[in-house]
């Protein structure tokens, strides 16, 4: 049977071909190779018994004719789910998480691909849109997808789930509630400090004059900054 399968049915998985040829049925344990499971999981799975306890197992394929099998999840994901980040696809294949970051516009931050838990507020679970771009750090995600936000605040929210207790950048931004340029530092410090810039307030100017010129040019200089 093995020689026949090799010579005449070389495109089939040899183990399945030999099993069907000699016993009339496919293997009951599977090939333990990876295949694209479009119908159920939308990721790659192993051709093995689900009851084996491995989250990678997608069940034994009844017929592997025409099914491309792979030695590992990464190879399967790269070949069959190219629109997904390979590390996310491979992690989902084993019931896990990639540890990478993706943007959440409704949260004004990026979320980490990790198990949602009270103790880990930065975790958002697997992205609901599997084609979304993934990043290795929260800071990189913020820079690429949320560039208009205060980057230090965005990165802190993304990577820890909370804004960092910081003293501010000492740069200037516009506090539109009073239409003045203020410094990014705690109000308790006095002077021109207008409080720590919120995630949507970009403290980008090194001087009050630069802030006034760029953002409040219609105001008299004497009434522009705090």
N, C-alpha and C. Protein backbone atom coordinates (compact mmCIF):
# COMPACT_ATOMS: atom_id res chain seq x y z
N UNK A 1 0.82 -1.20 0.00
CA UNK A 1 0.00 0.00 0.00
C UNK A 1 0.86 1.25 0.00
N UNK A 2 1.92 1.23 0.80
CA UNK A 2 2.78 2.39 0.89
C UNK A 2 3.41 2.71 -0.47
N UNK A 3 3.88 1.68 -1.17
CA UNK A 3 4.51 1.88 -2.47
C UNK A 3 3.50 2.40 -3.48
N UNK A 4 2.29 1.87 -3.44
CA UNK A 4 1.24 2.30 -4.35
C UNK A 4 0.88 3.77 -4.10
N UNK A 5 0.72 4.12 -2.83
CA UNK A 5 0.38 5.50 -2.48
C UNK A 5 1.45 6.47 -2.94
N UNK A 6 2.72 6.08 -2.73
CA UNK A 6 3.84 6.94 -3.11
C UNK A 6 3.90 7.11 -4.63
N UNK A 7 3.69 6.02 -5.36
CA UNK A 7 3.84 6.05 -6.81
C UNK A 7 2.65 6.66 -7.52
N UNK A 8 1.43 6.42 -7.02
CA UNK A 8 0.24 6.83 -7.75
C UNK A 8 -0.59 7.93 -7.09
N UNK A 9 -0.40 8.13 -5.81
CA UNK A 9 -1.23 9.11 -5.09
C UNK A 9 -0.34 10.01 -4.22
N UNK A 10 0.73 10.48 -4.82
CA UNK A 10 1.72 11.26 -4.09
C UNK A 10 1.22 12.57 -3.52
N UNK A 11 0.11 13.10 -4.04
CA UNK A 11 -0.43 14.38 -3.53
C UNK A 11 -1.23 14.21 -2.24
N UNK A 12 -1.53 12.95 -1.86
CA UNK A 12 -2.26 12.69 -0.63
C UNK A 12 -1.30 12.52 0.53
N UNK A 13 -1.80 12.76 1.73
CA UNK A 13 -1.00 12.47 2.91
C UNK A 13 -0.74 10.98 2.95
N UNK A 14 0.51 10.59 3.04
CA UNK A 14 0.88 9.17 2.94
C UNK A 14 0.25 8.32 4.03
N UNK A 15 0.18 8.86 5.27
CA UNK A 15 -0.39 8.09 6.39
C UNK A 15 -1.85 7.79 6.15
N UNK A 16 -2.61 8.80 5.70
CA UNK A 16 -4.03 8.60 5.44
C UNK A 16 -4.24 7.64 4.28
N UNK A 17 -3.46 7.82 3.22
CA UNK A 17 -3.59 6.95 2.05
C UNK A 17 -3.34 5.49 2.41
N UNK A 18 -2.28 5.25 3.17
CA UNK A 18 -1.95 3.88 3.57
C UNK A 18 -3.03 3.28 4.46
N UNK A 19 -3.56 4.10 5.38
CA UNK A 19 -4.58 3.61 6.29
C UNK A 19 -5.86 3.23 5.53
N UNK A 20 -6.31 4.12 4.64
CA UNK A 20 -7.52 3.83 3.85
C UNK A 20 -7.30 2.63 2.95
N UNK A 21 -6.10 2.52 2.39
CA UNK A 21 -5.79 1.42 1.46
C UNK A 21 -5.75 0.06 2.15
N UNK A 22 -5.27 0.03 3.38
CA UNK A 22 -5.10 -1.25 4.07
C UNK A 22 -6.25 -1.62 4.99
N UNK A 23 -6.95 -0.60 5.54
CA UNK A 23 -8.02 -0.90 6.50
C UNK A 23 -9.40 -0.42 6.03
N UNK A 24 -9.40 0.40 4.99
CA UNK A 24 -10.69 0.90 4.49
C UNK A 24 -11.15 2.17 5.17
N UNK A 25 -10.39 2.67 6.14
CA UNK A 25 -10.77 3.90 6.84
C UNK A 25 -9.53 4.73 7.15
N UNK A 26 -9.76 6.02 7.36
CA UNK A 26 -8.65 6.91 7.68
C UNK A 26 -8.16 6.64 9.10
N UNK A 27 -7.01 7.17 9.42
CA UNK A 27 -6.45 7.00 10.75
C UNK A 27 -7.41 7.52 11.81
N UNK A 28 -7.46 6.85 12.93
CA UNK A 28 -8.34 7.29 14.02
C UNK A 28 -7.65 8.29 14.93
N UNK A 29 -6.34 8.47 14.74
CA UNK A 29 -5.59 9.41 15.58
C UNK A 29 -5.16 10.65 14.83
N UNK A 30 -5.26 10.65 13.51
CA UNK A 30 -4.87 11.81 12.73
C UNK A 30 -3.39 11.83 12.40
N UNK A 31 -3.00 12.82 11.62
CA UNK A 31 -1.62 12.92 11.16
C UNK A 31 -0.75 13.75 12.10
N UNK A 32 -1.41 14.49 13.03
CA UNK A 32 -0.71 15.41 13.93
C UNK A 32 -0.02 16.55 13.18
N UNK A 33 -0.53 16.83 12.00
CA UNK A 33 -0.04 17.98 11.24
C UNK A 33 -1.11 19.08 11.25
N UNK A 34 -0.71 20.27 10.83
CA UNK A 34 -1.59 21.44 10.90
C UNK A 34 -2.30 21.67 9.57
N UNK A 35 -3.55 22.13 9.67
CA UNK A 35 -4.34 22.46 8.47
C UNK A 35 -5.18 23.70 8.75
N UNK A 36 -5.65 24.33 7.69
CA UNK A 36 -6.48 25.54 7.83
C UNK A 36 -7.92 25.13 8.15
N UNK A 37 -8.39 25.56 9.30
CA UNK A 37 -9.76 25.26 9.73
C UNK A 37 -10.63 26.50 9.49
N UNK A 38 -11.07 26.67 8.27
CA UNK A 38 -11.87 27.85 7.91
C UNK A 38 -13.26 27.80 8.53
N UNK A 39 -13.84 26.62 8.61
CA UNK A 39 -15.24 26.48 9.00
C UNK A 39 -15.51 26.75 10.48
N UNK A 40 -14.66 26.26 11.35
CA UNK A 40 -14.96 26.33 12.78
C UNK A 40 -14.23 27.43 13.53
N UNK A 41 -12.90 27.38 13.49
CA UNK A 41 -12.12 28.29 14.34
C UNK A 41 -11.56 29.52 13.62
N UNK A 42 -11.50 29.45 12.30
CA UNK A 42 -10.93 30.57 11.56
C UNK A 42 -9.44 30.71 11.80
N UNK A 43 -8.78 29.61 12.11
CA UNK A 43 -7.33 29.61 12.30
C UNK A 43 -6.82 28.22 11.92
N UNK A 44 -5.59 27.90 12.26
CA UNK A 44 -5.05 26.59 11.94
C UNK A 44 -5.25 25.65 13.12
N UNK A 45 -5.45 24.38 12.82
CA UNK A 45 -5.64 23.36 13.85
C UNK A 45 -4.85 22.11 13.48
N UNK A 46 -4.66 21.28 14.50
CA UNK A 46 -3.92 20.03 14.29
C UNK A 46 -4.90 18.90 13.97
N UNK A 47 -4.52 18.08 13.05
CA UNK A 47 -5.31 16.91 12.67
C UNK A 47 -5.11 15.84 13.75
N UNK A 48 -5.88 15.97 14.83
CA UNK A 48 -5.78 15.02 15.94
C UNK A 48 -7.10 15.01 16.71
N UNK A 49 -7.27 14.05 17.59
CA UNK A 49 -8.51 13.86 18.33
C UNK A 49 -8.74 15.01 19.32
N UNK A 50 -9.91 15.63 19.25
CA UNK A 50 -10.23 16.75 20.14
C UNK A 50 -10.16 16.33 21.60
N UNK A 51 -10.61 15.13 21.89
CA UNK A 51 -10.64 14.64 23.27
C UNK A 51 -9.25 14.39 23.85
N UNK A 52 -8.21 14.61 23.06
CA UNK A 52 -6.85 14.38 23.54
C UNK A 52 -6.45 15.39 24.61
N UNK A 53 -7.22 16.47 24.71
CA UNK A 53 -6.95 17.48 25.72
C UNK A 53 -6.13 18.65 25.23
N UNK A 54 -5.60 18.56 24.03
CA UNK A 54 -4.80 19.65 23.47
C UNK A 54 -5.73 20.66 22.79
N UNK A 55 -5.64 21.95 23.15
CA UNK A 55 -6.50 22.96 22.51
C UNK A 55 -6.17 23.15 21.04
N UNK A 56 -5.05 22.61 20.59
CA UNK A 56 -4.65 22.74 19.19
C UNK A 56 -5.41 21.78 18.28
N UNK A 57 -5.93 20.68 18.87
CA UNK A 57 -6.59 19.65 18.06
C UNK A 57 -7.93 20.13 17.52
N UNK A 58 -8.11 19.94 16.23
CA UNK A 58 -9.37 20.34 15.60
C UNK A 58 -10.22 19.15 15.21
N UNK A 59 -9.78 17.96 15.59
CA UNK A 59 -10.50 16.74 15.20
C UNK A 59 -9.75 16.04 14.09
N UNK A 60 -10.02 14.77 13.93
CA UNK A 60 -9.35 13.98 12.90
C UNK A 60 -10.04 14.20 11.56
N UNK A 61 -9.28 14.57 10.56
CA UNK A 61 -9.84 14.79 9.22
C UNK A 61 -10.28 13.46 8.63
N UNK A 62 -11.50 13.43 8.13
CA UNK A 62 -12.01 12.19 7.54
C UNK A 62 -11.34 11.89 6.21
N UNK A 63 -10.87 12.93 5.56
CA UNK A 63 -10.20 12.75 4.27
C UNK A 63 -9.25 13.92 4.07
N UNK A 64 -7.98 13.64 3.89
CA UNK A 64 -7.00 14.70 3.71
C UNK A 64 -6.69 14.96 2.24
N UNK A 65 -7.45 14.33 1.36
CA UNK A 65 -7.23 14.54 -0.07
C UNK A 65 -7.44 16.02 -0.40
N UNK A 66 -6.44 16.63 -1.00
CA UNK A 66 -6.54 18.03 -1.39
C UNK A 66 -6.29 19.00 -0.25
N UNK A 67 -6.06 18.49 0.97
CA UNK A 67 -5.81 19.35 2.12
C UNK A 67 -4.31 19.51 2.32
N UNK A 68 -3.84 20.75 2.32
CA UNK A 68 -2.42 20.99 2.54
C UNK A 68 -2.13 20.93 4.04
N UNK A 69 -1.17 20.12 4.41
CA UNK A 69 -0.81 19.94 5.81
C UNK A 69 0.55 20.57 6.08
N UNK A 70 0.72 21.09 7.28
CA UNK A 70 1.94 21.82 7.64
C UNK A 70 2.53 21.25 8.93
N UNK A 71 3.83 21.46 9.09
CA UNK A 71 4.53 20.94 10.26
C UNK A 71 4.30 21.77 11.52
N UNK A 72 3.94 23.05 11.36
CA UNK A 72 3.74 23.90 12.54
C UNK A 72 2.69 24.97 12.26
N UNK A 73 2.22 25.61 13.32
CA UNK A 73 1.16 26.61 13.20
C UNK A 73 1.60 27.83 12.41
N UNK A 74 2.82 28.29 12.61
CA UNK A 74 3.30 29.48 11.91
C UNK A 74 3.29 29.30 10.40
N UNK A 75 3.74 28.13 9.96
CA UNK A 75 3.78 27.86 8.51
C UNK A 75 2.36 27.82 7.94
N UNK A 76 1.45 27.19 8.68
CA UNK A 76 0.06 27.11 8.25
C UNK A 76 -0.58 28.49 8.20
N UNK A 77 -0.37 29.28 9.25
CA UNK A 77 -0.96 30.62 9.32
C UNK A 77 -0.43 31.52 8.21
N UNK A 78 0.87 31.47 7.97
CA UNK A 78 1.48 32.31 6.94
C UNK A 78 0.94 31.97 5.56
N UNK A 79 0.70 30.69 5.32
CA UNK A 79 0.25 30.26 4.00
C UNK A 79 -1.25 30.41 3.79
N UNK A 80 -2.05 30.20 4.84
CA UNK A 80 -3.50 30.15 4.68
C UNK A 80 -4.26 31.33 5.27
N UNK A 81 -3.65 32.06 6.20
CA UNK A 81 -4.33 33.20 6.84
C UNK A 81 -3.43 34.44 6.76
N UNK A 82 -2.99 34.73 5.56
CA UNK A 82 -2.05 35.82 5.35
C UNK A 82 -2.57 37.19 5.74
N UNK A 83 -3.90 37.36 5.84
CA UNK A 83 -4.46 38.66 6.22
C UNK A 83 -4.40 38.88 7.73
N UNK A 84 -4.04 37.85 8.47
CA UNK A 84 -3.92 37.97 9.93
C UNK A 84 -2.44 38.11 10.31
N UNK A 85 -2.18 38.75 11.44
CA UNK A 85 -0.84 38.75 11.99
C UNK A 85 -0.52 37.30 12.34
N UNK A 86 0.59 36.80 11.84
CA UNK A 86 0.93 35.38 12.01
C UNK A 86 1.00 34.97 13.48
N UNK A 87 1.53 35.85 14.31
CA UNK A 87 1.66 35.49 15.73
C UNK A 87 0.30 35.40 16.41
N UNK A 88 -0.66 36.22 15.98
CA UNK A 88 -2.02 36.15 16.54
C UNK A 88 -2.70 34.87 16.07
N UNK A 89 -2.56 34.57 14.79
CA UNK A 89 -3.15 33.35 14.23
C UNK A 89 -2.60 32.12 14.94
N UNK A 90 -1.28 32.08 15.11
CA UNK A 90 -0.64 30.92 15.75
C UNK A 90 -1.04 30.82 17.22
N UNK A 91 -1.19 31.97 17.89
CA UNK A 91 -1.59 31.94 19.30
C UNK A 91 -3.01 31.44 19.45
N UNK A 92 -3.92 31.93 18.59
CA UNK A 92 -5.31 31.48 18.63
C UNK A 92 -5.41 29.99 18.32
N UNK A 93 -4.50 29.50 17.50
CA UNK A 93 -4.52 28.08 17.14
C UNK A 93 -4.29 27.19 18.35
N UNK A 94 -3.60 27.71 19.34
CA UNK A 94 -3.32 26.92 20.55
C UNK A 94 -4.17 27.39 21.73
N UNK A 95 -5.13 28.28 21.44
CA UNK A 95 -6.00 28.78 22.50
C UNK A 95 -5.35 29.85 23.35
N UNK A 96 -4.31 30.50 22.82
CA UNK A 96 -3.57 31.48 23.60
C UNK A 96 -3.60 32.88 23.02
N UNK A 97 -2.59 33.67 23.37
CA UNK A 97 -2.53 35.08 23.01
C UNK A 97 -1.12 35.44 22.56
N UNK A 98 -1.03 36.45 21.70
CA UNK A 98 0.26 36.82 21.11
C UNK A 98 1.08 37.75 21.99
N UNK A 99 0.41 38.50 22.90
CA UNK A 99 1.13 39.47 23.72
C UNK A 99 1.41 40.77 22.97
N UNK A 100 0.90 40.90 21.76
CA UNK A 100 1.09 42.13 20.98
C UNK A 100 -0.04 43.12 21.26
N UNK A 101 0.05 44.30 20.66
CA UNK A 101 -0.91 45.37 20.92
C UNK A 101 -1.66 45.76 19.65
N UNK A 102 -2.92 46.17 19.83
CA UNK A 102 -3.75 46.65 18.72
C UNK A 102 -4.56 47.85 19.19
N UNK A 103 -4.95 48.70 18.25
CA UNK A 103 -5.61 49.95 18.61
C UNK A 103 -7.07 49.74 19.01
N UNK A 104 -7.51 50.52 19.99
CA UNK A 104 -8.92 50.57 20.39
C UNK A 104 -9.29 52.05 20.42
N UNK A 105 -9.89 52.53 19.34
CA UNK A 105 -10.20 53.95 19.25
C UNK A 105 -11.20 54.38 20.32
N UNK A 106 -12.11 53.50 20.70
CA UNK A 106 -13.11 53.87 21.70
C UNK A 106 -12.49 54.04 23.09
N UNK A 107 -11.32 53.43 23.30
CA UNK A 107 -10.64 53.56 24.59
C UNK A 107 -9.54 54.62 24.58
N UNK A 108 -9.31 55.23 23.40
CA UNK A 108 -8.21 56.19 23.28
C UNK A 108 -6.90 55.58 23.76
N UNK A 109 -6.70 54.32 23.41
CA UNK A 109 -5.49 53.61 23.82
C UNK A 109 -5.36 52.35 22.95
N UNK A 110 -4.27 51.65 23.16
CA UNK A 110 -4.10 50.35 22.51
C UNK A 110 -4.32 49.27 23.57
N UNK A 111 -4.75 48.12 23.14
CA UNK A 111 -5.01 47.01 24.05
C UNK A 111 -4.03 45.88 23.77
N UNK A 112 -3.72 45.15 24.80
CA UNK A 112 -2.80 44.03 24.66
C UNK A 112 -3.58 42.74 24.38
N UNK A 113 -3.05 41.96 23.46
CA UNK A 113 -3.66 40.67 23.15
C UNK A 113 -3.26 39.67 24.23
N UNK A 114 -4.03 39.69 25.31
CA UNK A 114 -3.81 38.77 26.42
C UNK A 114 -5.15 38.55 27.12
N UNK A 115 -5.22 37.56 27.99
CA UNK A 115 -6.47 37.18 28.62
C UNK A 115 -7.04 38.31 29.48
N UNK A 116 -8.30 38.65 29.25
CA UNK A 116 -8.96 39.70 30.02
C UNK A 116 -9.09 39.26 31.47
N UNK A 117 -8.60 40.11 32.38
CA UNK A 117 -8.65 39.80 33.81
C UNK A 117 -8.58 41.11 34.59
N UNK A 118 -9.25 41.15 35.73
CA UNK A 118 -9.24 42.34 36.57
C UNK A 118 -7.83 42.76 36.93
N UNK A 119 -6.98 41.78 37.16
CA UNK A 119 -5.60 42.07 37.56
C UNK A 119 -4.75 42.58 36.41
N UNK A 120 -5.25 42.46 35.18
CA UNK A 120 -4.50 42.91 34.00
C UNK A 120 -5.39 43.81 33.14
N UNK A 121 -5.62 45.06 33.58
CA UNK A 121 -6.53 45.96 32.86
C UNK A 121 -6.06 46.33 31.47
N UNK A 122 -4.79 46.09 31.15
CA UNK A 122 -4.29 46.41 29.81
C UNK A 122 -4.71 45.38 28.77
N UNK A 123 -5.19 44.22 29.23
CA UNK A 123 -5.53 43.12 28.33
C UNK A 123 -6.92 43.29 27.72
N UNK A 124 -7.00 43.10 26.41
CA UNK A 124 -8.28 43.21 25.72
C UNK A 124 -8.72 41.92 25.06
N UNK A 125 -7.95 40.85 25.26
CA UNK A 125 -8.26 39.59 24.59
C UNK A 125 -7.80 39.63 23.14
N UNK A 126 -8.11 38.58 22.40
CA UNK A 126 -7.78 38.58 20.97
C UNK A 126 -8.54 39.70 20.28
N UNK A 127 -7.94 40.37 19.28
CA UNK A 127 -8.66 41.43 18.57
C UNK A 127 -9.89 40.87 17.87
N UNK A 128 -11.01 41.61 17.91
CA UNK A 128 -12.23 41.14 17.24
C UNK A 128 -12.06 41.17 15.73
N UNK A 129 -11.28 42.12 15.24
CA UNK A 129 -10.96 42.19 13.82
C UNK A 129 -9.59 41.54 13.63
N UNK A 130 -9.57 40.33 13.14
CA UNK A 130 -8.33 39.58 13.05
C UNK A 130 -7.36 40.12 12.00
N UNK A 131 -7.83 41.04 11.18
CA UNK A 131 -6.95 41.62 10.17
C UNK A 131 -6.28 42.90 10.67
N UNK A 132 -6.60 43.30 11.90
CA UNK A 132 -6.04 44.54 12.43
C UNK A 132 -4.53 44.46 12.57
N UNK A 133 -3.87 45.60 12.42
CA UNK A 133 -2.41 45.65 12.53
C UNK A 133 -1.99 45.49 13.98
N UNK A 134 -0.96 44.70 14.20
CA UNK A 134 -0.47 44.43 15.55
C UNK A 134 0.90 45.05 15.75
N UNK A 135 1.21 45.40 17.01
CA UNK A 135 2.48 46.05 17.33
C UNK A 135 3.14 45.36 18.52
N UNK A 136 4.46 45.41 18.56
CA UNK A 136 5.18 44.72 19.63
C UNK A 136 5.10 45.44 20.96
N UNK A 137 4.85 46.76 20.94
CA UNK A 137 4.73 47.52 22.18
C UNK A 137 3.53 48.47 22.11
N UNK A 138 3.05 48.88 23.28
CA UNK A 138 1.96 49.84 23.32
C UNK A 138 2.39 51.18 22.76
N UNK A 139 3.64 51.57 23.02
CA UNK A 139 4.16 52.84 22.53
C UNK A 139 4.18 52.89 21.01
N UNK A 140 4.58 51.79 20.38
CA UNK A 140 4.61 51.74 18.92
C UNK A 140 3.21 51.81 18.34
N UNK A 141 2.27 51.16 19.00
CA UNK A 141 0.86 51.20 18.56
C UNK A 141 0.31 52.62 18.68
N UNK A 142 0.60 53.29 19.79
CA UNK A 142 0.13 54.66 20.01
C UNK A 142 0.69 55.60 18.95
N UNK A 143 1.97 55.46 18.65
CA UNK A 143 2.61 56.34 17.68
C UNK A 143 2.03 56.16 16.28
N UNK A 144 1.71 54.91 15.92
CA UNK A 144 1.22 54.63 14.58
C UNK A 144 -0.27 54.90 14.42
N UNK A 145 -1.06 54.65 15.46
CA UNK A 145 -2.51 54.70 15.33
C UNK A 145 -3.18 55.84 16.09
N UNK A 146 -2.51 56.39 17.09
CA UNK A 146 -3.12 57.43 17.93
C UNK A 146 -2.15 58.59 18.11
N UNK A 147 -1.61 59.02 17.00
CA UNK A 147 -0.57 60.04 17.03
C UNK A 147 -1.00 61.38 17.57
N UNK A 148 -2.31 61.66 17.59
CA UNK A 148 -2.79 62.95 18.09
C UNK A 148 -2.91 62.98 19.62
N UNK A 149 -2.76 61.84 20.27
CA UNK A 149 -2.86 61.79 21.73
C UNK A 149 -1.51 62.08 22.38
N UNK A 150 -1.55 62.42 23.65
CA UNK A 150 -0.32 62.54 24.42
C UNK A 150 0.31 61.15 24.45
N UNK A 151 1.50 61.02 23.90
CA UNK A 151 2.09 59.70 23.71
C UNK A 151 2.49 59.01 25.01
N UNK A 152 2.97 59.76 25.98
CA UNK A 152 3.35 59.15 27.26
C UNK A 152 2.13 58.58 27.96
N UNK A 153 1.02 59.34 27.93
CA UNK A 153 -0.21 58.88 28.57
C UNK A 153 -0.78 57.68 27.83
N UNK A 154 -0.78 57.75 26.49
CA UNK A 154 -1.31 56.65 25.69
C UNK A 154 -0.51 55.37 25.93
N UNK A 155 0.81 55.48 25.93
CA UNK A 155 1.65 54.29 26.14
C UNK A 155 1.44 53.70 27.52
N UNK A 156 1.31 54.56 28.52
CA UNK A 156 1.10 54.07 29.88
C UNK A 156 -0.25 53.36 30.01
N UNK A 157 -1.30 53.97 29.46
CA UNK A 157 -2.62 53.34 29.49
C UNK A 157 -2.61 52.00 28.76
N UNK A 158 -1.90 51.96 27.64
CA UNK A 158 -1.87 50.76 26.81
C UNK A 158 -1.10 49.62 27.47
N UNK A 159 0.00 49.95 28.12
CA UNK A 159 0.89 48.92 28.63
C UNK A 159 0.63 48.53 30.09
N UNK A 160 -0.07 49.41 30.84
CA UNK A 160 -0.34 49.10 32.24
C UNK A 160 -1.82 49.18 32.59
N UNK A 161 -2.62 49.79 31.72
CA UNK A 161 -4.05 49.96 31.99
C UNK A 161 -4.36 51.19 32.80
N UNK A 162 -3.33 51.99 33.12
CA UNK A 162 -3.54 53.20 33.91
C UNK A 162 -2.54 54.26 33.50
N UNK A 163 -2.93 55.52 33.64
CA UNK A 163 -2.00 56.61 33.34
C UNK A 163 -0.91 56.63 34.39
N UNK A 164 0.30 56.82 33.95
CA UNK A 164 1.43 56.84 34.89
C UNK A 164 1.39 58.08 35.77
N UNK A 165 1.83 57.91 37.00
CA UNK A 165 1.93 59.05 37.91
C UNK A 165 3.22 59.79 37.56
N UNK A 166 3.07 60.79 36.72
CA UNK A 166 4.24 61.51 36.22
C UNK A 166 4.16 62.99 36.58
N UNK A 167 5.27 63.65 36.44
CA UNK A 167 5.32 65.08 36.76
C UNK A 167 5.03 65.94 35.56
N UNK A 168 4.83 65.31 34.41
CA UNK A 168 4.55 66.05 33.19
C UNK A 168 5.80 66.26 32.37
N UNK A 169 5.60 66.66 31.13
CA UNK A 169 6.71 66.82 30.20
C UNK A 169 7.36 68.20 30.28
N UNK A 170 6.68 69.13 30.98
CA UNK A 170 7.15 70.52 31.06
C UNK A 170 7.03 71.24 29.71
N UNK A 171 6.36 70.61 28.76
CA UNK A 171 6.11 71.26 27.48
C UNK A 171 4.76 71.99 27.55
N UNK A 172 4.47 72.73 26.50
CA UNK A 172 3.27 73.56 26.49
C UNK A 172 2.19 72.98 25.58
N UNK A 173 0.93 73.19 26.00
CA UNK A 173 -0.23 72.78 25.20
C UNK A 173 -1.36 73.77 25.45
N UNK A 174 -2.41 73.68 24.64
CA UNK A 174 -3.54 74.60 24.79
C UNK A 174 -4.60 73.99 25.69
N UNK A 175 -4.96 74.73 26.72
CA UNK A 175 -6.12 74.37 27.54
C UNK A 175 -7.29 75.15 26.96
N UNK A 176 -8.08 74.45 26.13
CA UNK A 176 -9.14 75.13 25.38
C UNK A 176 -10.27 75.61 26.29
N UNK A 177 -10.33 75.09 27.51
CA UNK A 177 -11.39 75.56 28.42
C UNK A 177 -11.16 77.01 28.84
N UNK A 178 -9.90 77.46 28.78
CA UNK A 178 -9.59 78.85 29.11
C UNK A 178 -8.90 79.56 27.94
N UNK A 179 -8.72 78.80 26.83
CA UNK A 179 -8.08 79.35 25.62
C UNK A 179 -6.73 79.99 25.94
N UNK A 180 -5.90 79.25 26.65
CA UNK A 180 -4.56 79.72 26.97
C UNK A 180 -3.56 78.56 26.82
N UNK A 181 -2.33 78.93 26.54
CA UNK A 181 -1.28 77.93 26.51
C UNK A 181 -0.80 77.72 27.95
N UNK A 182 -0.67 76.45 28.34
CA UNK A 182 -0.26 76.13 29.70
C UNK A 182 0.82 75.05 29.64
N UNK A 183 1.51 74.92 30.78
CA UNK A 183 2.57 73.92 30.86
C UNK A 183 2.01 72.57 31.30
N UNK A 184 2.58 71.52 30.76
CA UNK A 184 2.21 70.15 31.13
C UNK A 184 2.91 69.77 32.43
N UNK A 185 2.30 70.19 33.54
CA UNK A 185 2.83 69.87 34.87
C UNK A 185 1.70 70.07 35.88
N UNK A 186 1.78 69.45 37.06
CA UNK A 186 0.70 69.54 38.05
C UNK A 186 0.40 70.98 38.44
N UNK A 187 -0.88 71.30 38.55
CA UNK A 187 -1.28 72.66 38.93
C UNK A 187 -0.73 73.05 40.30
N UNK A 188 -0.50 72.03 41.14
CA UNK A 188 0.04 72.30 42.48
C UNK A 188 1.43 72.91 42.42
N UNK A 189 2.09 72.76 41.28
CA UNK A 189 3.43 73.34 41.13
C UNK A 189 3.37 74.85 40.95
N UNK A 190 2.16 75.36 40.65
CA UNK A 190 1.99 76.80 40.47
C UNK A 190 2.55 77.30 39.16
N UNK A 191 2.73 78.60 39.08
CA UNK A 191 3.28 79.20 37.87
C UNK A 191 2.39 78.98 36.66
N UNK A 192 2.98 78.55 35.57
CA UNK A 192 2.25 78.35 34.32
C UNK A 192 1.71 76.93 34.16
N UNK A 193 1.86 76.11 35.21
CA UNK A 193 1.39 74.72 35.13
C UNK A 193 -0.13 74.67 35.03
N UNK A 194 -0.60 74.00 34.00
CA UNK A 194 -2.04 73.90 33.78
C UNK A 194 -2.59 72.52 34.07
N UNK A 195 -1.79 71.68 34.70
CA UNK A 195 -2.21 70.30 34.95
C UNK A 195 -1.60 69.37 33.91
N UNK A 196 -1.58 68.09 34.21
CA UNK A 196 -1.04 67.12 33.28
C UNK A 196 -1.93 67.04 32.05
N UNK A 197 -1.32 67.06 30.87
CA UNK A 197 -2.08 67.00 29.62
C UNK A 197 -2.85 65.70 29.54
N UNK A 198 -4.12 65.80 29.14
CA UNK A 198 -4.93 64.60 28.94
C UNK A 198 -4.43 63.87 27.69
N UNK A 199 -4.92 62.64 27.49
CA UNK A 199 -4.45 61.84 26.37
C UNK A 199 -4.71 62.51 25.03
N UNK A 200 -5.75 63.35 24.96
CA UNK A 200 -6.08 64.00 23.69
C UNK A 200 -5.43 65.38 23.54
N UNK A 201 -4.72 65.80 24.56
CA UNK A 201 -4.06 67.10 24.53
C UNK A 201 -2.57 66.90 24.27
N UNK A 202 -2.12 67.31 23.12
CA UNK A 202 -0.73 67.07 22.74
C UNK A 202 0.18 68.19 23.23
N UNK A 203 1.00 67.88 24.23
CA UNK A 203 1.96 68.85 24.75
C UNK A 203 3.20 68.78 23.87
N UNK A 204 3.26 69.62 22.86
CA UNK A 204 4.30 69.49 21.85
C UNK A 204 5.21 70.71 21.72
N UNK A 205 4.91 71.78 22.46
CA UNK A 205 5.68 73.01 22.28
C UNK A 205 6.69 73.21 23.41
N UNK A 206 7.87 73.68 23.05
CA UNK A 206 8.93 73.87 24.04
C UNK A 206 8.86 75.23 24.70
N UNK A 207 8.03 76.13 24.20
CA UNK A 207 7.89 77.46 24.80
C UNK A 207 6.47 77.96 24.64
N UNK A 208 6.08 78.91 25.49
CA UNK A 208 4.74 79.49 25.41
C UNK A 208 4.57 80.26 24.11
N UNK A 209 5.63 80.93 23.68
CA UNK A 209 5.54 81.71 22.44
C UNK A 209 5.28 80.81 21.23
N UNK A 210 5.92 79.64 21.21
CA UNK A 210 5.70 78.71 20.10
C UNK A 210 4.28 78.18 20.11
N UNK A 211 3.76 77.89 21.32
CA UNK A 211 2.39 77.42 21.46
C UNK A 211 1.41 78.50 21.02
N UNK A 212 1.63 79.73 21.47
CA UNK A 212 0.74 80.83 21.12
C UNK A 212 0.74 81.11 19.63
N UNK A 213 1.92 81.09 19.04
CA UNK A 213 2.04 81.37 17.61
C UNK A 213 1.33 80.32 16.76
N UNK A 214 1.41 79.06 17.19
CA UNK A 214 0.83 77.97 16.39
C UNK A 214 -0.65 77.78 16.64
N UNK A 215 -1.10 78.01 17.88
CA UNK A 215 -2.47 77.64 18.24
C UNK A 215 -3.39 78.81 18.57
N UNK A 216 -2.82 79.91 19.04
CA UNK A 216 -3.67 81.04 19.48
C UNK A 216 -3.16 82.35 18.91
N UNK A 217 -2.85 82.34 17.66
CA UNK A 217 -2.22 83.51 17.02
C UNK A 217 -3.11 84.75 17.02
N UNK A 218 -4.42 84.58 17.18
CA UNK A 218 -5.33 85.73 17.16
C UNK A 218 -5.38 86.47 18.51
N UNK A 219 -4.78 85.86 19.53
CA UNK A 219 -4.83 86.48 20.86
C UNK A 219 -3.60 87.36 21.10
N UNK A 220 -3.75 88.44 21.86
CA UNK A 220 -2.58 89.23 22.23
C UNK A 220 -1.61 88.37 23.03
N UNK A 221 -0.33 88.57 22.82
CA UNK A 221 0.69 87.76 23.49
C UNK A 221 0.53 87.84 25.01
N UNK A 222 0.16 89.01 25.50
CA UNK A 222 0.02 89.19 26.94
C UNK A 222 -1.12 88.39 27.54
N UNK A 223 -2.06 87.96 26.70
CA UNK A 223 -3.23 87.23 27.19
C UNK A 223 -3.27 85.79 26.67
N UNK A 224 -2.16 85.34 26.13
CA UNK A 224 -2.16 84.03 25.47
C UNK A 224 -1.79 82.89 26.41
N UNK A 225 -0.80 83.12 27.26
CA UNK A 225 -0.29 82.05 28.12
C UNK A 225 -0.67 82.26 29.57
N UNK A 226 -0.75 81.17 30.28
CA UNK A 226 -1.09 81.22 31.71
C UNK A 226 0.06 81.84 32.49
